[in-house]
Amino acid sequence: MRYWHGHGYGPGHGPGGWGLAVMAIVSLLVVVVLVLLAIALFRYISRSRRPIPHTPGAAGVAGAGPGGTHGWGHGPTPEQVLADRFARGEIDAAEYRHRLETLRSPGGGPGGDSSEPGGG
């Protein structure tokens, strides 16, 4: 068993200089890819677990509007948008009161007012 069928690391056998360099580069690339995948997975998991801010919806009922328990989305409620328009002077007091009553009435809100053209 001295030569063991030529499968030993002796002169002329095993990886040479270029073989060692290629193995080192491939190993380094594998480690870099694994680290990048771990970072991407961590960012994905941490982003998907952010809580949705809980704000009362229209008419002050929790879960009845944007940001509520039904998760319609983020941003201001329709009443807040209306109040901002009134504060900027885009609408007058009478229009503000009329639209606020429409929002607070049953079936009010976007697409629920039958007195407007195309509302149903």
C-alpha atoms as a PDB file:
ATOM      1  CA  MET A   1       0.000   0.000   0.000  1.00  0.00           C
ATOM      2  CA  ARG A   2       2.862   2.237  -0.463  1.00  0.00           C
ATOM      3  CA  TYR A   3       1.495   4.068  -3.517  1.00  0.00           C
ATOM      4  CA  TRP A   4      -2.186   3.408  -2.822  1.00  0.00           C
ATOM      5  CA  HIS A   5      -3.241   3.440  -6.456  1.00  0.00           C
ATOM      6  CA  GLY A   6      -1.959   6.953  -7.091  1.00  0.00           C
ATOM      7  CA  HIS A   7      -4.528   8.737  -4.890  1.00  0.00           C
ATOM      8  CA  GLY A   8      -2.192  10.440  -2.482  1.00  0.00           C
ATOM      9  CA  TYR A   9      -0.898  13.924  -1.965  1.00  0.00           C
ATOM     10  CA  GLY A  10       2.605  13.528  -3.177  1.00  0.00           C
ATOM     11  CA  PRO A  11       4.560  15.237  -5.874  1.00  0.00           C
ATOM     12  CA  GLY A  12       2.255  15.957  -8.816  1.00  0.00           C
ATOM     13  CA  HIS A  13      -0.963  15.066  -6.995  1.00  0.00           C
ATOM     14  CA  GLY A  14      -3.633  17.282  -5.403  1.00  0.00           C
ATOM     15  CA  PRO A  15      -4.537  20.873  -6.063  1.00  0.00           C
ATOM     16  CA  GLY A  16      -1.849  23.127  -7.411  1.00  0.00           C
ATOM     17  CA  GLY A  17      -1.428  26.884  -7.035  1.00  0.00           C
ATOM     18  CA  TRP A  18      -4.335  27.809  -9.324  1.00  0.00           C
ATOM     19  CA  GLY A  19      -6.529  25.132  -7.781  1.00  0.00           C
ATOM     20  CA  LEU A  20      -5.994  26.562  -4.324  1.00  0.00           C
ATOM     21  CA  ALA A  21      -6.725  30.090  -5.576  1.00  0.00           C
ATOM     22  CA  VAL A  22      -9.951  29.008  -7.280  1.00  0.00           C
ATOM     23  CA  MET A  23     -11.087  27.108  -4.177  1.00  0.00           C
ATOM     24  CA  ALA A  24     -10.392  30.143  -1.978  1.00  0.00           C
ATOM     25  CA  ILE A  25     -12.285  32.495  -4.312  1.00  0.00           C
ATOM     26  CA  VAL A  26     -15.278  30.156  -4.601  1.00  0.00           C
ATOM     27  CA  SER A  27     -15.380  29.669  -0.830  1.00  0.00           C
ATOM     28  CA  LEU A  28     -15.272  33.421  -0.292  1.00  0.00           C
ATOM     29  CA  LEU A  29     -18.085  33.960  -2.808  1.00  0.00           C
ATOM     30  CA  VAL A  30     -20.237  31.332  -1.085  1.00  0.00           C
ATOM     31  CA  VAL A  31     -19.722  33.023   2.287  1.00  0.00           C
ATOM     32  CA  VAL A  32     -20.575  36.459   0.820  1.00  0.00           C
ATOM     33  CA  VAL A  33     -23.765  35.110  -0.811  1.00  0.00           C
ATOM     34  CA  LEU A  34     -24.848  33.458   2.456  1.00  0.00           C
ATOM     35  CA  VAL A  35     -24.272  36.677   4.410  1.00  0.00           C
ATOM     36  CA  LEU A  36     -26.233  38.729   1.864  1.00  0.00           C
ATOM     37  CA  LEU A  37     -29.103  36.238   1.959  1.00  0.00           C
ATOM     38  CA  ALA A  38     -29.162  36.400   5.759  1.00  0.00           C
ATOM     39  CA  ILE A  39     -29.260  40.218   5.664  1.00  0.00           C
ATOM     40  CA  ALA A  40     -32.057  40.217   3.073  1.00  0.00           C
ATOM     41  CA  LEU A  41     -34.074  37.703   5.095  1.00  0.00           C
ATOM     42  CA  PHE A  42     -33.625  39.740   8.277  1.00  0.00           C
ATOM     43  CA  ARG A  43     -34.761  42.943   6.552  1.00  0.00           C
ATOM     44  CA  TYR A  44     -37.781  41.219   5.023  1.00  0.00           C
ATOM     45  CA  ILE A  45     -38.880  39.743   8.341  1.00  0.00           C
ATOM     46  CA  SER A  46     -38.354  42.983  10.273  1.00  0.00           C
ATOM     47  CA  ARG A  47     -40.257  45.016   7.654  1.00  0.00           C
ATOM     48  CA  SER A  48     -43.248  42.674   7.556  1.00  0.00           C
ATOM     49  CA  ARG A  49     -43.680  42.691  11.353  1.00  0.00           C
ATOM     50  CA  ARG A  50     -44.065  46.455  11.767  1.00  0.00           C
ATOM     51  CA  PRO A  51     -47.375  47.177  13.491  1.00  0.00           C
ATOM     52  CA  ILE A  52     -50.051  49.103  11.624  1.00  0.00           C
ATOM     53  CA  PRO A  53     -50.786  52.314  13.533  1.00  0.00           C
ATOM     54  CA  HIS A  54     -54.209  52.116  15.173  1.00  0.00           C
ATOM     55  CA  THR A  55     -56.344  55.212  14.720  1.00  0.00           C
ATOM     56  CA  PRO A  56     -60.081  55.516  15.079  1.00  0.00           C
ATOM     57  CA  GLY A  57     -61.935  55.575  11.798  1.00  0.00           C
ATOM     58  CA  ALA A  58     -64.837  57.685  10.671  1.00  0.00           C
ATOM     59  CA  ALA A  59     -67.282  58.677  13.421  1.00  0.00           C
ATOM     60  CA  GLY A  60     -64.732  57.672  16.074  1.00  0.00           C
ATOM     61  CA  VAL A  61     -65.401  53.936  15.809  1.00  0.00           C
ATOM     62  CA  ALA A  62     -62.246  51.895  16.221  1.00  0.00           C
ATOM     63  CA  GLY A  63     -61.565  49.750  13.179  1.00  0.00           C
ATOM     64  CA  ALA A  64     -64.096  51.554  10.979  1.00  0.00           C
ATOM     65  CA  GLY A  65     -61.661  53.398   8.748  1.00  0.00           C
ATOM     66  CA  PRO A  66     -58.116  53.735   7.519  1.00  0.00           C
ATOM     67  CA  GLY A  67     -55.591  52.365   9.973  1.00  0.00           C
ATOM     68  CA  GLY A  68     -58.243  50.510  11.958  1.00  0.00           C
ATOM     69  CA  THR A  69     -58.406  46.828  12.701  1.00  0.00           C
ATOM     70  CA  HIS A  70     -59.538  46.065   9.154  1.00  0.00           C
ATOM     71  CA  GLY A  71     -56.328  47.641   7.834  1.00  0.00           C
ATOM     72  CA  TRP A  72     -57.676  49.696   4.910  1.00  0.00           C
ATOM     73  CA  GLY A  73     -54.413  51.549   4.666  1.00  0.00           C
ATOM     74  CA  HIS A  74     -52.431  54.361   6.144  1.00  0.00           C
ATOM     75  CA  GLY A  75     -52.978  58.070   6.201  1.00  0.00           C
ATOM     76  CA  PRO A  76     -55.505  60.568   7.441  1.00  0.00           C
ATOM     77  CA  THR A  77     -59.171  59.765   7.819  1.00  0.00           C
ATOM     78  CA  PRO A  78     -61.685  61.404   5.464  1.00  0.00           C
ATOM     79  CA  GLU A  79     -62.739  63.708   8.325  1.00  0.00           C
ATOM     80  CA  GLN A  80     -59.130  64.839   8.794  1.00  0.00           C
ATOM     81  CA  VAL A  81     -58.792  65.552   5.064  1.00  0.00           C
ATOM     82  CA  LEU A  82     -62.021  67.546   5.163  1.00  0.00           C
ATOM     83  CA  ALA A  83     -60.856  69.517   8.209  1.00  0.00           C
ATOM     84  CA  ASP A  84     -57.543  70.272   6.484  1.00  0.00           C
ATOM     85  CA  ARG A  85     -59.362  71.572   3.396  1.00  0.00           C
ATOM     86  CA  PHE A  86     -61.534  73.787   5.617  1.00  0.00           C
ATOM     87  CA  ALA A  87     -58.486  75.061   7.497  1.00  0.00           C
ATOM     88  CA  ARG A  88     -56.751  75.975   4.223  1.00  0.00           C
ATOM     89  CA  GLY A  89     -59.856  77.856   3.057  1.00  0.00           C
ATOM     90  CA  GLU A  90     -60.609  75.562   0.116  1.00  0.00           C
ATOM     91  CA  ILE A  91     -64.208  75.093   1.312  1.00  0.00           C
ATOM     92  CA  ASP A  92     -66.507  77.333   3.352  1.00  0.00           C
ATOM     93  CA  ALA A  93     -68.201  76.521   6.671  1.00  0.00           C
ATOM     94  CA  ALA A  94     -71.531  75.486   5.118  1.00  0.00           C
ATOM     95  CA  GLU A  95     -69.882  73.059   2.713  1.00  0.00           C
ATOM     96  CA  TYR A  96     -67.674  71.723   5.522  1.00  0.00           C
ATOM     97  CA  ARG A  97     -70.727  71.009   7.733  1.00  0.00           C
ATOM     98  CA  HIS A  98     -72.651  69.418   4.852  1.00  0.00           C
ATOM     99  CA  ARG A  99     -69.773  67.116   3.899  1.00  0.00           C
ATOM    100  CA  LEU A 100     -69.066  66.243   7.534  1.00  0.00           C
ATOM    101  CA  GLU A 101     -72.714  65.245   8.038  1.00  0.00           C
ATOM    102  CA  THR A 102     -72.525  63.175   4.859  1.00  0.00           C
ATOM    103  CA  LEU A 103     -69.423  61.365   6.099  1.00  0.00           C
ATOM    104  CA  ARG A 104     -70.947  60.648   9.497  1.00  0.00           C
ATOM    105  CA  SER A 105     -74.335  59.490   8.163  1.00  0.00           C
ATOM    106  CA  PRO A 106     -75.018  55.769   7.614  1.00  0.00           C
ATOM    107  CA  GLY A 107     -73.942  54.897   4.089  1.00  0.00           C
ATOM    108  CA  GLY A 108     -71.924  58.103   3.923  1.00  0.00           C
ATOM    109  CA  GLY A 109     -68.390  58.388   2.792  1.00  0.00           C
ATOM    110  CA  PRO A 110     -66.855  57.675  -0.601  1.00  0.00           C
ATOM    111  CA  GLY A 111     -69.443  56.221  -2.958  1.00  0.00           C
ATOM    112  CA  GLY A 112     -72.177  56.048  -0.301  1.00  0.00           C
ATOM    113  CA  ASP A 113     -73.960  59.386  -0.813  1.00  0.00           C
ATOM    114  CA  SER A 114     -76.879  59.002  -3.202  1.00  0.00           C
ATOM    115  CA  SER A 115     -77.559  62.775  -3.427  1.00  0.00           C
ATOM    116  CA  GLU A 116     -74.393  63.354  -5.480  1.00  0.00           C
ATOM    117  CA  PRO A 117     -74.436  62.596  -9.242  1.00  0.00           C
ATOM    118  CA  GLY A 118     -73.239  59.041  -9.865  1.00  0.00           C
ATOM    119  CA  GLY A 119     -73.568  58.164  -6.174  1.00  0.00           C
ATOM    120  CA  GLY A 120     -76.151  55.429  -6.683  1.00  0.00           C
END
